[in-house]
Amino acid sequence: MRAEHGIPRGAISTYQRIARHVGRLRGARAVGNALATNPFPIIIPCHRAIRTDLTVGGYQGGIKMKRTLLQMEGIDFNETGHVTTKDFVY
């Protein structure tokens, strides 16, 4: 969760990039599972992690809420629901 906390407002990362950053080359699913149990979503902004295919993935508050939070931070989406922003962390 510390790696997720390091993603600044207006930027995103993927579950896979976060996993690689923490030394788990094949740990994308583990990252997603850890973020799904995040007890502090305001402090640890787990909405900033998306799937490698550039779709939003899951979120405790629902996919619509995750997309809304990302859009409020300036993350853009195309008509198919994929993130168009390329400002990735890690």
PDB file of N, CA and C in Angstrom:
ATOM      1  N   MET A   1       0.815  -1.196   0.000  1.00  0.00           N
ATOM      2  CA  MET A   1       0.000   0.000   0.000  1.00  0.00           C
ATOM      3  C   MET A   1       0.858   1.260   0.000  1.00  0.00           C
ATOM      4  N   ARG A   2       2.079   1.155   0.458  1.00  0.00           N
ATOM      5  CA  ARG A   2       2.959   2.324   0.424  1.00  0.00           C
ATOM      6  C   ARG A   2       3.224   2.772  -1.010  1.00  0.00           C
ATOM      7  N   ALA A   3       3.363   1.817  -1.914  1.00  0.00           N
ATOM      8  CA  ALA A   3       3.598   2.169  -3.313  1.00  0.00           C
ATOM      9  C   ALA A   3       2.400   2.914  -3.882  1.00  0.00           C
ATOM     10  N   GLU A   4       1.214   2.492  -3.548  1.00  0.00           N
ATOM     11  CA  GLU A   4       0.003   3.171  -4.020  1.00  0.00           C
ATOM     12  C   GLU A   4      -0.062   4.576  -3.445  1.00  0.00           C
ATOM     13  N   HIS A   5       0.321   4.730  -2.205  1.00  0.00           N
ATOM     14  CA  HIS A   5       0.323   6.042  -1.559  1.00  0.00           C
ATOM     15  C   HIS A   5       1.260   7.011  -2.276  1.00  0.00           C
ATOM     16  N   GLY A   6       2.271   6.492  -2.967  1.00  0.00           N
ATOM     17  CA  GLY A   6       3.242   7.326  -3.674  1.00  0.00           C
ATOM     18  C   GLY A   6       2.786   7.838  -5.023  1.00  0.00           C
ATOM     19  N   ILE A   7       1.618   7.438  -5.472  1.00  0.00           N
ATOM     20  CA  ILE A   7       1.111   7.917  -6.760  1.00  0.00           C
ATOM     21  C   ILE A   7       0.437   9.267  -6.529  1.00  0.00           C
ATOM     22  N   PRO A   8       0.953  10.328  -7.137  1.00  0.00           N
ATOM     23  CA  PRO A   8       0.396  11.662  -6.878  1.00  0.00           C
ATOM     24  C   PRO A   8      -0.957  11.880  -7.554  1.00  0.00           C
ATOM     25  N   ARG A   9      -1.661  12.846  -7.060  1.00  0.00           N
ATOM     26  CA  ARG A   9      -2.947  13.242  -7.645  1.00  0.00           C
ATOM     27  C   ARG A   9      -2.744  13.547  -9.127  1.00  0.00           C
ATOM     28  N   GLY A  10      -3.638  13.058  -9.960  1.00  0.00           N
ATOM     29  CA  GLY A  10      -3.569  13.310 -11.394  1.00  0.00           C
ATOM     30  C   GLY A  10      -2.711  12.316 -12.153  1.00  0.00           C
ATOM     31  N   ALA A  11      -2.152  11.343 -11.460  1.00  0.00           N
ATOM     32  CA  ALA A  11      -1.334  10.307 -12.097  1.00  0.00           C
ATOM     33  C   ALA A  11      -1.950   8.950 -11.781  1.00  0.00           C
ATOM     34  N   ILE A  12      -1.543   7.943 -12.525  1.00  0.00           N
ATOM     35  CA  ILE A  12      -2.045   6.591 -12.311  1.00  0.00           C
ATOM     36  C   ILE A  12      -0.906   5.595 -12.442  1.00  0.00           C
ATOM     37  N   SER A  13      -1.188   4.389 -12.050  1.00  0.00           N
ATOM     38  CA  SER A  13      -0.282   3.274 -12.268  1.00  0.00           C
ATOM     39  C   SER A  13      -1.152   2.063 -12.551  1.00  0.00           C
ATOM     40  N   THR A  14      -0.531   0.975 -12.913  1.00  0.00           N
ATOM     41  CA  THR A  14      -1.286  -0.264 -13.099  1.00  0.00           C
ATOM     42  C   THR A  14      -0.936  -1.210 -11.962  1.00  0.00           C
ATOM     43  N   TYR A  15      -1.797  -2.174 -11.753  1.00  0.00           N
ATOM     44  CA  TYR A  15      -1.529  -3.173 -10.724  1.00  0.00           C
ATOM     45  C   TYR A  15      -0.190  -3.857 -11.020  1.00  0.00           C
ATOM     46  N   GLN A  16       0.066  -4.118 -12.288  1.00  0.00           N
ATOM     47  CA  GLN A  16       1.313  -4.784 -12.685  1.00  0.00           C
ATOM     48  C   GLN A  16       2.534  -3.905 -12.428  1.00  0.00           C
ATOM     49  N   ARG A  17       2.455  -2.635 -12.753  1.00  0.00           N
ATOM     50  CA  ARG A  17       3.580  -1.727 -12.510  1.00  0.00           C
ATOM     51  C   ARG A  17       3.881  -1.621 -11.015  1.00  0.00           C
ATOM     52  N   ILE A  18       2.847  -1.569 -10.205  1.00  0.00           N
ATOM     53  CA  ILE A  18       3.043  -1.498  -8.756  1.00  0.00           C
ATOM     54  C   ILE A  18       3.700  -2.774  -8.263  1.00  0.00           C
ATOM     55  N   ALA A  19       3.227  -3.910  -8.749  1.00  0.00           N
ATOM     56  CA  ALA A  19       3.811  -5.195  -8.343  1.00  0.00           C
ATOM     57  C   ALA A  19       5.294  -5.244  -8.691  1.00  0.00           C
ATOM     58  N   ARG A  20       5.645  -4.836  -9.882  1.00  0.00           N
ATOM     59  CA  ARG A  20       7.058  -4.830 -10.281  1.00  0.00           C
ATOM     60  C   ARG A  20       7.869  -3.873  -9.423  1.00  0.00           C
ATOM     61  N   HIS A  21       7.279  -2.734  -9.088  1.00  0.00           N
ATOM     62  CA  HIS A  21       7.966  -1.744  -8.263  1.00  0.00           C
ATOM     63  C   HIS A  21       8.322  -2.306  -6.889  1.00  0.00           C
ATOM     64  N   VAL A  22       7.458  -3.148  -6.350  1.00  0.00           N
ATOM     65  CA  VAL A  22       7.719  -3.718  -5.026  1.00  0.00           C
ATOM     66  C   VAL A  22       8.440  -5.057  -5.108  1.00  0.00           C
ATOM     67  N   GLY A  23       8.885  -5.422  -6.312  1.00  0.00           N
ATOM     68  CA  GLY A  23       9.693  -6.624  -6.466  1.00  0.00           C
ATOM     69  C   GLY A  23       8.936  -7.915  -6.694  1.00  0.00           C
ATOM     70  N   ARG A  24       7.684  -7.831  -7.039  1.00  0.00           N
ATOM     71  CA  ARG A  24       6.860  -9.014  -7.314  1.00  0.00           C
ATOM     72  C   ARG A  24       6.461  -8.999  -8.785  1.00  0.00           C
ATOM     73  N   LEU A  25       7.306  -9.560  -9.628  1.00  0.00           N
ATOM     74  CA  LEU A  25       7.105  -9.479 -11.070  1.00  0.00           C
ATOM     75  C   LEU A  25       5.751 -10.001 -11.533  1.00  0.00           C
ATOM     76  N   ARG A  26       5.243 -11.005 -10.864  1.00  0.00           N
ATOM     77  CA  ARG A  26       3.956 -11.582 -11.258  1.00  0.00           C
ATOM     78  C   ARG A  26       2.897 -11.367 -10.175  1.00  0.00           C
ATOM     79  N   GLY A  27       2.967 -10.248  -9.501  1.00  0.00           N
ATOM     80  CA  GLY A  27       2.102 -10.009  -8.352  1.00  0.00           C
ATOM     81  C   GLY A  27       0.957  -9.040  -8.565  1.00  0.00           C
ATOM     82  N   ALA A  28       0.558  -8.821  -9.809  1.00  0.00           N
ATOM     83  CA  ALA A  28      -0.508  -7.853 -10.074  1.00  0.00           C
ATOM     84  C   ALA A  28      -1.805  -8.208  -9.345  1.00  0.00           C
ATOM     85  N   ARG A  29      -2.165  -9.471  -9.358  1.00  0.00           N
ATOM     86  CA  ARG A  29      -3.393  -9.895  -8.679  1.00  0.00           C
ATOM     87  C   ARG A  29      -3.284  -9.665  -7.172  1.00  0.00           C
ATOM     88  N   ALA A  30      -2.116  -9.926  -6.611  1.00  0.00           N
ATOM     89  CA  ALA A  30      -1.905  -9.702  -5.168  1.00  0.00           C
ATOM     90  C   ALA A  30      -2.039  -8.218  -4.838  1.00  0.00           C
ATOM     91  N   VAL A  31      -1.532  -7.355  -5.705  1.00  0.00           N
ATOM     92  CA  VAL A  31      -1.677  -5.910  -5.499  1.00  0.00           C
ATOM     93  C   VAL A  31      -3.157  -5.533  -5.517  1.00  0.00           C
ATOM     94  N   GLY A  32      -3.880  -6.042  -6.499  1.00  0.00           N
ATOM     95  CA  GLY A  32      -5.316  -5.760  -6.579  1.00  0.00           C
ATOM     96  C   GLY A  32      -6.063  -6.236  -5.350  1.00  0.00           C
ATOM     97  N   ASN A  33      -5.722  -7.430  -4.874  1.00  0.00           N
ATOM     98  CA  ASN A  33      -6.375  -7.961  -3.678  1.00  0.00           C
ATOM     99  C   ASN A  33      -6.045  -7.127  -2.445  1.00  0.00           C
ATOM    100  N   ALA A  34      -4.799  -6.684  -2.335  1.00  0.00           N
ATOM    101  CA  ALA A  34      -4.411  -5.849  -1.193  1.00  0.00           C
ATOM    102  C   ALA A  34      -5.155  -4.517  -1.221  1.00  0.00           C
ATOM    103  N   LEU A  35      -5.259  -3.920  -2.396  1.00  0.00           N
ATOM    104  CA  LEU A  35      -5.950  -2.634  -2.509  1.00  0.00           C
ATOM    105  C   LEU A  35      -7.451  -2.787  -2.272  1.00  0.00           C
ATOM    106  N   ALA A  36      -7.994  -3.946  -2.592  1.00  0.00           N
ATOM    107  CA  ALA A  36      -9.419  -4.187  -2.372  1.00  0.00           C
ATOM    108  C   ALA A  36      -9.778  -4.196  -0.890  1.00  0.00           C
ATOM    109  N   THR A  37      -8.795  -4.444  -0.048  1.00  0.00           N
ATOM    110  CA  THR A  37      -9.043  -4.471   1.398  1.00  0.00           C
ATOM    111  C   THR A  37      -8.503  -3.222   2.093  1.00  0.00           C
ATOM    112  N   ASN A  38      -8.197  -2.203   1.320  1.00  0.00           N
ATOM    113  CA  ASN A  38      -7.664  -0.950   1.850  1.00  0.00           C
ATOM    114  C   ASN A  38      -8.653  -0.318   2.832  1.00  0.00           C
ATOM    115  N   PRO A  39      -8.282  -0.225   4.120  1.00  0.00           N
ATOM    116  CA  PRO A  39      -9.202   0.365   5.090  1.00  0.00           C
ATOM    117  C   PRO A  39      -9.183   1.896   5.095  1.00  0.00           C
ATOM    118  N   PHE A  40      -8.269   2.505   4.358  1.00  0.00           N
ATOM    119  CA  PHE A  40      -8.123   3.971   4.365  1.00  0.00           C
ATOM    120  C   PHE A  40      -8.102   4.539   2.943  1.00  0.00           C
ATOM    121  N   PRO A  41      -9.189   4.400   2.182  1.00  0.00           N
ATOM    122  CA  PRO A  41      -9.163   4.840   0.785  1.00  0.00           C
ATOM    123  C   PRO A  41      -8.960   6.345   0.595  1.00  0.00           C
ATOM    124  N   ILE A  42      -9.216   7.128   1.610  1.00  0.00           N
ATOM    125  CA  ILE A  42      -8.970   8.565   1.501  1.00  0.00           C
ATOM    126  C   ILE A  42      -7.476   8.852   1.642  1.00  0.00           C
ATOM    127  N   ILE A  43      -6.803   8.145   2.527  1.00  0.00           N
ATOM    128  CA  ILE A  43      -5.376   8.350   2.769  1.00  0.00           C
ATOM    129  C   ILE A  43      -4.528   7.610   1.737  1.00  0.00           C
ATOM    130  N   ILE A  44      -4.911   6.387   1.436  1.00  0.00           N
ATOM    131  CA  ILE A  44      -4.209   5.579   0.433  1.00  0.00           C
ATOM    132  C   ILE A  44      -5.123   5.509  -0.784  1.00  0.00           C
ATOM    133  N   PRO A  45      -4.871   6.349  -1.783  1.00  0.00           N
ATOM    134  CA  PRO A  45      -5.793   6.510  -2.912  1.00  0.00           C
ATOM    135  C   PRO A  45      -5.764   5.336  -3.892  1.00  0.00           C
ATOM    136  N   CYS A  46      -6.411   4.241  -3.503  1.00  0.00           N
ATOM    137  CA  CYS A  46      -6.353   3.026  -4.318  1.00  0.00           C
ATOM    138  C   CYS A  46      -7.060   3.176  -5.663  1.00  0.00           C
ATOM    139  N   HIS A  47      -7.819   4.235  -5.853  1.00  0.00           N
ATOM    140  CA  HIS A  47      -8.465   4.440  -7.147  1.00  0.00           C
ATOM    141  C   HIS A  47      -7.463   4.788  -8.251  1.00  0.00           C
ATOM    142  N   ARG A  48      -6.229   5.099  -7.888  1.00  0.00           N
ATOM    143  CA  ARG A  48      -5.221   5.473  -8.891  1.00  0.00           C
ATOM    144  C   ARG A  48      -4.526   4.283  -9.532  1.00  0.00           C
ATOM    145  N   ALA A  49      -4.921   3.080  -9.178  1.00  0.00           N
ATOM    146  CA  ALA A  49      -4.383   1.870  -9.809  1.00  0.00           C
ATOM    147  C   ALA A  49      -5.428   1.331 -10.784  1.00  0.00           C
ATOM    148  N   ILE A  50      -4.985   1.070 -12.009  1.00  0.00           N
ATOM    149  CA  ILE A  50      -5.892   0.551 -13.026  1.00  0.00           C
ATOM    150  C   ILE A  50      -5.329  -0.745 -13.599  1.00  0.00           C
ATOM    151  N   ARG A  51      -6.111  -1.376 -14.439  1.00  0.00           N
ATOM    152  CA  ARG A  51      -5.667  -2.615 -15.078  1.00  0.00           C
ATOM    153  C   ARG A  51      -4.678  -2.307 -16.202  1.00  0.00           C
ATOM    154  N   THR A  52      -3.874  -3.282 -16.548  1.00  0.00           N
ATOM    155  CA  THR A  52      -2.879  -3.130 -17.610  1.00  0.00           C
ATOM    156  C   THR A  52      -3.538  -2.846 -18.956  1.00  0.00           C
ATOM    157  N   ASP A  53      -4.767  -3.312 -19.152  1.00  0.00           N
ATOM    158  CA  ASP A  53      -5.463  -3.044 -20.418  1.00  0.00           C
ATOM    159  C   ASP A  53      -6.072  -1.644 -20.457  1.00  0.00           C
ATOM    160  N   LEU A  54      -5.747  -0.822 -19.461  1.00  0.00           N
ATOM    161  CA  LEU A  54      -6.159   0.574 -19.333  1.00  0.00           C
ATOM    162  C   LEU A  54      -7.637   0.767 -19.007  1.00  0.00           C
ATOM    163  N   THR A  55      -8.296  -0.282 -18.494  1.00  0.00           N
ATOM    164  CA  THR A  55      -9.638  -0.117 -17.956  1.00  0.00           C
ATOM    165  C   THR A  55      -9.501   0.076 -16.444  1.00  0.00           C
ATOM    166  N   VAL A  56     -10.552   0.552 -15.814  1.00  0.00           N
ATOM    167  CA  VAL A  56     -10.415   0.961 -14.415  1.00  0.00           C
ATOM    168  C   VAL A  56     -10.218  -0.184 -13.430  1.00  0.00           C
ATOM    169  N   GLY A  57     -10.749  -1.353 -13.701  1.00  0.00           N
ATOM    170  CA  GLY A  57     -10.647  -2.431 -12.725  1.00  0.00           C
ATOM    171  C   GLY A  57     -11.645  -2.230 -11.607  1.00  0.00           C
ATOM    172  N   GLY A  58     -11.475  -2.925 -10.517  1.00  0.00           N
ATOM    173  CA  GLY A  58     -12.432  -2.858  -9.425  1.00  0.00           C
ATOM    174  C   GLY A  58     -12.163  -1.716  -8.459  1.00  0.00           C
ATOM    175  N   TYR A  59     -13.150  -1.495  -7.585  1.00  0.00           N
ATOM    176  CA  TYR A  59     -13.037  -0.455  -6.570  1.00  0.00           C
ATOM    177  C   TYR A  59     -14.100  -0.700  -5.511  1.00  0.00           C
ATOM    178  N   GLN A  60     -13.756  -0.471  -4.271  1.00  0.00           N
ATOM    179  CA  GLN A  60     -14.695  -0.703  -3.166  1.00  0.00           C
ATOM    180  C   GLN A  60     -15.983   0.096  -3.334  1.00  0.00           C
ATOM    181  N   GLY A  61     -15.872   1.306  -3.834  1.00  0.00           N
ATOM    182  CA  GLY A  61     -17.036   2.172  -4.010  1.00  0.00           C
ATOM    183  C   GLY A  61     -17.742   1.984  -5.338  1.00  0.00           C
ATOM    184  N   GLY A  62     -17.293   1.022  -6.123  1.00  0.00           N
ATOM    185  CA  GLY A  62     -17.894   0.768  -7.428  1.00  0.00           C
ATOM    186  C   GLY A  62     -17.087   1.391  -8.555  1.00  0.00           C
ATOM    187  N   ILE A  63     -17.220   0.810  -9.720  1.00  0.00           N
ATOM    188  CA  ILE A  63     -16.457   1.261 -10.889  1.00  0.00           C
ATOM    189  C   ILE A  63     -16.835   2.687 -11.290  1.00  0.00           C
ATOM    190  N   LYS A  64     -18.111   3.024 -11.186  1.00  0.00           N
ATOM    191  CA  LYS A  64     -18.550   4.378 -11.539  1.00  0.00           C
ATOM    192  C   LYS A  64     -17.879   5.417 -10.633  1.00  0.00           C
ATOM    193  N   MET A  65     -17.798   5.117  -9.348  1.00  0.00           N
ATOM    194  CA  MET A  65     -17.145   6.033  -8.404  1.00  0.00           C
ATOM    195  C   MET A  65     -15.659   6.155  -8.707  1.00  0.00           C
ATOM    196  N   LYS A  66     -15.005   5.026  -9.021  1.00  0.00           N
ATOM    197  CA  LYS A  66     -13.572   5.062  -9.337  1.00  0.00           C
ATOM    198  C   LYS A  66     -13.322   5.940 -10.550  1.00  0.00           C
ATOM    199  N   ARG A  67     -14.118   5.759 -11.575  1.00  0.00           N
ATOM    200  CA  ARG A  67     -13.965   6.569 -12.788  1.00  0.00           C
ATOM    201  C   ARG A  67     -14.200   8.054 -12.488  1.00  0.00           C
ATOM    202  N   THR A  68     -15.203   8.347 -11.691  1.00  0.00           N
ATOM    203  CA  THR A  68     -15.490   9.734 -11.316  1.00  0.00           C
ATOM    204  C   THR A  68     -14.314  10.353 -10.562  1.00  0.00           C
ATOM    205  N   LEU A  69     -13.746   9.615  -9.608  1.00  0.00           N
ATOM    206  CA  LEU A  69     -12.595  10.124  -8.857  1.00  0.00           C
ATOM    207  C   LEU A  69     -11.415  10.392  -9.788  1.00  0.00           C
ATOM    208  N   LEU A  70     -11.165   9.476 -10.709  1.00  0.00           N
ATOM    209  CA  LEU A  70     -10.063   9.666 -11.660  1.00  0.00           C
ATOM    210  C   LEU A  70     -10.310  10.880 -12.550  1.00  0.00           C
ATOM    211  N   GLN A  71     -11.530  11.039 -13.026  1.00  0.00           N
ATOM    212  CA  GLN A  71     -11.849  12.189 -13.866  1.00  0.00           C
ATOM    213  C   GLN A  71     -11.702  13.492 -13.092  1.00  0.00           C
ATOM    214  N   MET A  72     -12.053  13.494 -11.810  1.00  0.00           N
ATOM    215  CA  MET A  72     -11.894  14.691 -10.981  1.00  0.00           C
ATOM    216  C   MET A  72     -10.418  15.071 -10.843  1.00  0.00           C
ATOM    217  N   GLU A  73      -9.531  14.083 -10.989  1.00  0.00           N
ATOM    218  CA  GLU A  73      -8.092  14.325 -10.896  1.00  0.00           C
ATOM    219  C   GLU A  73      -7.468  14.603 -12.270  1.00  0.00           C
ATOM    220  N   GLY A  74      -8.296  14.652 -13.311  1.00  0.00           N
ATOM    221  CA  GLY A  74      -7.796  14.992 -14.638  1.00  0.00           C
ATOM    222  C   GLY A  74      -7.445  13.802 -15.519  1.00  0.00           C
ATOM    223  N   ILE A  75      -7.829  12.610 -15.115  1.00  0.00           N
ATOM    224  CA  ILE A  75      -7.574  11.424 -15.930  1.00  0.00           C
ATOM    225  C   ILE A  75      -8.681  11.324 -16.966  1.00  0.00           C
ATOM    226  N   ASP A  76      -8.300  11.175 -18.229  1.00  0.00           N
ATOM    227  CA  ASP A  76      -9.263  11.127 -19.322  1.00  0.00           C
ATOM    228  C   ASP A  76      -9.529   9.696 -19.773  1.00  0.00           C
ATOM    229  N   PHE A  77     -10.719   9.506 -20.332  1.00  0.00           N
ATOM    230  CA  PHE A  77     -11.152   8.212 -20.852  1.00  0.00           C
ATOM    231  C   PHE A  77     -11.637   8.385 -22.286  1.00  0.00           C
ATOM    232  N   ASN A  78     -11.464   7.336 -23.090  1.00  0.00           N
ATOM    233  CA  ASN A  78     -12.024   7.383 -24.436  1.00  0.00           C
ATOM    234  C   ASN A  78     -13.432   6.811 -24.416  1.00  0.00           C
ATOM    235  N   GLU A  79     -14.064   6.738 -25.589  1.00  0.00           N
ATOM    236  CA  GLU A  79     -15.460   6.295 -25.660  1.00  0.00           C
ATOM    237  C   GLU A  79     -15.657   4.820 -25.287  1.00  0.00           C
ATOM    238  N   THR A  80     -14.592   4.036 -25.283  1.00  0.00           N
ATOM    239  CA  THR A  80     -14.705   2.623 -24.898  1.00  0.00           C
ATOM    240  C   THR A  80     -14.413   2.404 -23.410  1.00  0.00           C
ATOM    241  N   GLY A  81     -14.129   3.487 -22.680  1.00  0.00           N
ATOM    242  CA  GLY A  81     -13.887   3.380 -21.248  1.00  0.00           C
ATOM    243  C   GLY A  81     -12.447   3.131 -20.858  1.00  0.00           C
ATOM    244  N   HIS A  82     -11.535   3.252 -21.805  1.00  0.00           N
ATOM    245  CA  HIS A  82     -10.110   3.060 -21.523  1.00  0.00           C
ATOM    246  C   HIS A  82      -9.455   4.391 -21.173  1.00  0.00           C
ATOM    247  N   VAL A  83      -8.525   4.344 -20.251  1.00  0.00           N
ATOM    248  CA  VAL A  83      -7.781   5.538 -19.859  1.00  0.00           C
ATOM    249  C   VAL A  83      -6.914   5.994 -21.032  1.00  0.00           C
ATOM    250  N   THR A  84      -6.946   7.280 -21.320  1.00  0.00           N
ATOM    251  CA  THR A  84      -6.114   7.819 -22.398  1.00  0.00           C
ATOM    252  C   THR A  84      -4.888   8.540 -21.861  1.00  0.00           C
ATOM    253  N   THR A  85      -4.906   8.858 -20.579  1.00  0.00           N
ATOM    254  CA  THR A  85      -3.783   9.525 -19.944  1.00  0.00           C
ATOM    255  C   THR A  85      -2.588   8.596 -19.896  1.00  0.00           C
ATOM    256  N   LYS A  86      -1.400   9.116 -20.184  1.00  0.00           N
ATOM    257  CA  LYS A  86      -0.194   8.277 -20.182  1.00  0.00           C
ATOM    258  C   LYS A  86       0.773   8.659 -19.072  1.00  0.00           C
ATOM    259  N   ASP A  87       0.286   9.372 -18.063  1.00  0.00           N
ATOM    260  CA  ASP A  87       1.115   9.808 -16.956  1.00  0.00           C
ATOM    261  C   ASP A  87       1.181   8.708 -15.902  1.00  0.00           C
ATOM    262  N   PHE A  88       1.961   7.659 -16.200  1.00  0.00           N
ATOM    263  CA  PHE A  88       2.070   6.514 -15.307  1.00  0.00           C
ATOM    264  C   PHE A  88       3.215   6.691 -14.298  1.00  0.00           C
ATOM    265  N   VAL A  89       2.980   6.187 -13.117  1.00  0.00           N
ATOM    266  CA  VAL A  89       4.001   6.145 -12.077  1.00  0.00           C
ATOM    267  C   VAL A  89       4.500   4.714 -11.997  1.00  0.00           C
ATOM    268  N   TYR A  90       5.778   4.560 -11.781  1.00  0.00           N
ATOM    269  CA  TYR A  90       6.458   3.279 -11.699  1.00  0.00           C
ATOM    270  C   TYR A  90       6.567   2.725 -13.084  1.00  0.00           C
TER     271      TYR A  90
END
